[in-house]
Amino acid sequence: FVSHSIYGQNPPPQITTLELNKPLEREISGTQRHSYQINLSANQYLKILLKQSGIDVGLRLYGTDGKQIADFDTEFKSDGVETVEFVAINEGNYRFDIINKYPLLPAGKYEIKLNELRSADEKDKLRQSARSLHADSIRFFTAGKYSEARQTIEKAIEINQKELGLE
């Protein structure tokens, strides 16, 4: 008996290593999931561009321990670019799964590109903190912990306003 707790009943997908400035174009349909990985140092910043063509996809990020860290999905249409920014806390392999958000719709293509890879500066770390707080606020809200959700999102907004201004 083999347990596939991370993957449900399906076997682990084939994992492709992302390389800096080497875009990969793939087609995805139904319940397919494509997996990518990258080895990061602690405090390393990365930026991934995910160009959608005829399909709306999302990106799930898994940490070095295999646990999900975040979902990235800011572009709610079938054409456009998702921008994923992340600062690694620990050194090791991080996995990114691309998922089709609407498996009953026809297949589409996407292009994934590791666009930037460098040491994180203080601005990157602050923005990562705001993204983590935002994700925490969603978890609190979903769990019905509305007071905690509000406090957490207010902290995220405060960080973003300091970094990006009121607009």
Protein backbone atom coordinates (compact mmCIF):
# COMPACT_ATOMS: atom_id res chain seq x y z
CA PHE A 1 0.00 0.00 0.00
CA VAL A 2 1.42 3.37 -1.06
CA SER A 3 -0.02 6.60 0.30
CA HIS A 4 -0.25 9.56 -2.06
CA SER A 5 -1.53 12.11 0.46
CA ILE A 6 -0.25 15.11 -1.50
CA TYR A 7 -1.60 13.84 -4.81
CA GLY A 8 -4.85 12.13 -3.79
CA GLN A 9 -5.22 8.78 -5.57
CA ASN A 10 -3.16 9.81 -8.60
CA PRO A 11 0.56 9.06 -8.79
CA PRO A 12 2.97 11.98 -8.51
CA PRO A 13 3.23 13.99 -11.75
CA GLN A 14 6.39 14.33 -13.80
CA ILE A 15 8.31 17.34 -12.49
CA THR A 16 10.18 19.71 -14.82
CA THR A 17 12.96 21.95 -13.51
CA LEU A 18 12.51 25.63 -14.33
CA GLU A 19 15.53 27.43 -15.77
CA LEU A 20 16.05 31.18 -15.80
CA ASN A 21 14.78 32.90 -18.98
CA LYS A 22 13.85 29.60 -20.67
CA PRO A 23 10.09 29.74 -21.27
CA LEU A 24 8.14 26.50 -21.62
CA GLU A 25 4.84 26.33 -23.51
CA ARG A 26 2.37 23.54 -22.79
CA GLU A 27 -1.23 22.61 -23.38
CA ILE A 28 -3.45 21.67 -20.47
CA SER A 29 -7.00 20.34 -20.27
CA GLY A 30 -9.43 18.66 -17.95
CA THR A 31 -8.00 17.75 -14.56
CA GLN A 32 -4.39 17.66 -15.76
CA ARG A 33 -1.75 19.15 -13.48
CA HIS A 34 1.73 20.12 -14.61
CA SER A 35 4.51 20.31 -12.03
CA TYR A 36 7.70 22.35 -12.01
CA GLN A 37 10.46 22.73 -9.46
CA ILE A 38 13.33 24.99 -8.63
CA ASN A 39 16.07 24.79 -6.01
CA LEU A 40 16.27 28.02 -4.04
CA SER A 41 18.61 29.35 -1.39
CA ALA A 42 17.21 30.92 1.76
CA ASN A 43 16.20 34.55 1.10
CA GLN A 44 16.27 34.08 -2.66
CA TYR A 45 13.65 35.97 -4.69
CA LEU A 46 12.00 34.60 -7.79
CA LYS A 47 9.56 35.98 -10.29
CA ILE A 48 7.58 33.69 -12.60
CA LEU A 49 5.45 34.87 -15.49
CA LEU A 50 2.56 32.60 -16.46
CA LYS A 51 1.02 33.63 -19.78
CA GLN A 52 -2.47 32.16 -20.37
CA SER A 53 -3.78 31.57 -23.90
CA GLY A 54 -7.37 30.39 -24.10
CA ILE A 55 -7.46 28.93 -20.59
CA ASP A 56 -7.56 30.16 -17.01
CA VAL A 57 -4.93 28.42 -14.91
CA GLY A 58 -3.74 28.80 -11.35
CA LEU A 59 -0.40 28.11 -9.73
CA ARG A 60 0.03 26.31 -6.40
CA LEU A 61 3.30 26.63 -4.54
CA TYR A 62 4.64 23.85 -2.29
CA GLY A 63 7.48 24.31 0.18
CA THR A 64 10.53 22.19 0.82
CA ASP A 65 8.42 20.00 3.14
CA GLY A 66 5.87 19.29 0.39
CA LYS A 67 3.12 21.32 2.09
CA GLN A 68 1.17 23.90 0.12
CA ILE A 69 2.36 27.45 0.82
CA ALA A 70 0.23 29.58 -1.50
CA ASP A 71 -2.11 29.84 -4.46
CA PHE A 72 -1.50 32.42 -7.16
CA ASP A 73 -4.44 33.46 -9.29
CA THR A 74 -4.92 37.17 -9.87
CA GLU A 75 -5.91 37.03 -13.55
CA PHE A 76 -9.53 35.84 -13.77
CA LYS A 77 -9.75 35.39 -17.52
CA SER A 78 -8.51 32.98 -20.15
CA ASP A 79 -5.91 35.34 -21.61
CA GLY A 80 -3.43 37.34 -19.60
CA VAL A 81 -0.33 37.06 -17.49
CA GLU A 82 -0.15 35.82 -13.91
CA THR A 83 2.84 37.21 -12.04
CA VAL A 84 4.20 35.07 -9.22
CA GLU A 85 6.70 36.57 -6.79
CA PHE A 86 8.15 34.65 -3.88
CA VAL A 87 10.97 34.84 -1.34
CA ALA A 88 12.24 31.48 -0.10
CA ILE A 89 12.46 31.08 3.64
CA ASN A 90 14.37 27.80 3.59
CA GLU A 91 16.93 26.41 1.20
CA GLY A 92 15.72 23.53 -0.93
CA ASN A 93 13.40 22.40 -3.71
CA TYR A 94 10.12 24.23 -4.20
CA ARG A 95 7.39 22.82 -6.43
CA PHE A 96 4.86 24.72 -8.54
CA ASP A 97 1.74 22.98 -9.85
CA ILE A 98 -0.19 24.48 -12.74
CA ILE A 99 -3.87 23.57 -12.58
CA ASN A 100 -6.74 24.12 -14.98
CA LYS A 101 -9.33 26.10 -13.02
CA TYR A 102 -12.22 25.07 -15.27
CA PRO A 103 -11.70 21.42 -16.25
CA LEU A 104 -14.94 21.17 -18.26
CA LEU A 105 -13.88 23.88 -20.71
CA PRO A 106 -11.76 23.14 -23.83
CA ALA A 107 -7.97 22.76 -23.63
CA GLY A 108 -5.75 25.82 -23.75
CA LYS A 109 -2.10 26.74 -23.69
CA TYR A 110 0.10 28.53 -21.22
CA GLU A 111 3.71 29.60 -21.11
CA ILE A 112 5.67 29.52 -17.86
CA LYS A 113 8.91 31.46 -17.53
CA LEU A 114 11.28 31.92 -14.62
CA ASN A 115 11.82 35.61 -15.28
CA GLU A 116 13.97 36.70 -12.35
CA LEU A 117 16.12 35.01 -9.72
CA ARG A 118 18.25 36.97 -7.24
CA SER A 119 18.91 37.68 -3.58
CA ALA A 120 15.87 39.23 -1.91
CA ASP A 121 16.13 42.83 -0.74
CA GLU A 122 14.16 44.38 2.12
CA LYS A 123 11.33 45.48 -0.20
CA ASP A 124 10.96 41.90 -1.48
CA LYS A 125 10.81 40.57 2.08
CA LEU A 126 8.18 43.12 3.11
CA ARG A 127 6.02 42.30 0.10
CA GLN A 128 6.40 38.57 0.86
CA SER A 129 5.25 39.27 4.40
CA ALA A 130 2.15 41.08 3.05
CA ARG A 131 1.38 38.17 0.69
CA SER A 132 1.67 35.70 3.59
CA LEU A 133 -0.62 37.81 5.76
CA HIS A 134 -3.15 38.00 2.92
CA ALA A 135 -3.13 34.20 2.56
CA ASP A 136 -3.56 33.86 6.34
CA SER A 137 -6.53 36.25 6.29
CA ILE A 138 -8.25 34.11 3.65
CA ARG A 139 -7.72 30.99 5.78
CA PHE A 140 -9.16 32.77 8.84
CA PHE A 141 -12.15 34.03 6.84
CA THR A 142 -12.84 30.59 5.38
CA ALA A 143 -12.74 29.13 8.91
CA GLY A 144 -15.27 31.70 10.11
CA LYS A 145 -12.71 33.58 12.22
CA TYR A 146 -13.74 37.00 10.95
CA SER A 147 -12.05 39.11 13.63
CA GLU A 148 -8.68 37.41 13.03
CA ALA A 149 -9.18 37.71 9.26
CA ARG A 150 -9.81 41.45 9.54
CA GLN A 151 -6.80 42.06 11.81
CA THR A 152 -4.54 40.06 9.50
CA ILE A 153 -5.67 41.74 6.27
CA GLU A 154 -5.31 45.18 7.89
CA LYS A 155 -1.65 44.37 8.63
CA ALA A 156 -1.16 43.30 5.00
CA ILE A 157 -2.78 46.50 3.75
CA GLU A 158 -0.57 48.59 6.04
CA ILE A 159 2.58 46.97 4.63
CA ASN A 160 1.40 47.43 1.04
CA GLN A 161 0.51 51.08 1.62
CA LYS A 162 3.97 51.77 3.04
CA GLU A 163 5.59 50.09 0.02
CA LEU A 164 3.25 51.08 -2.81
CA GLY A 165 1.47 54.20 -1.55
CA LEU A 166 -2.23 54.74 -0.94
CA GLU A 167 -3.24 53.99 -4.52
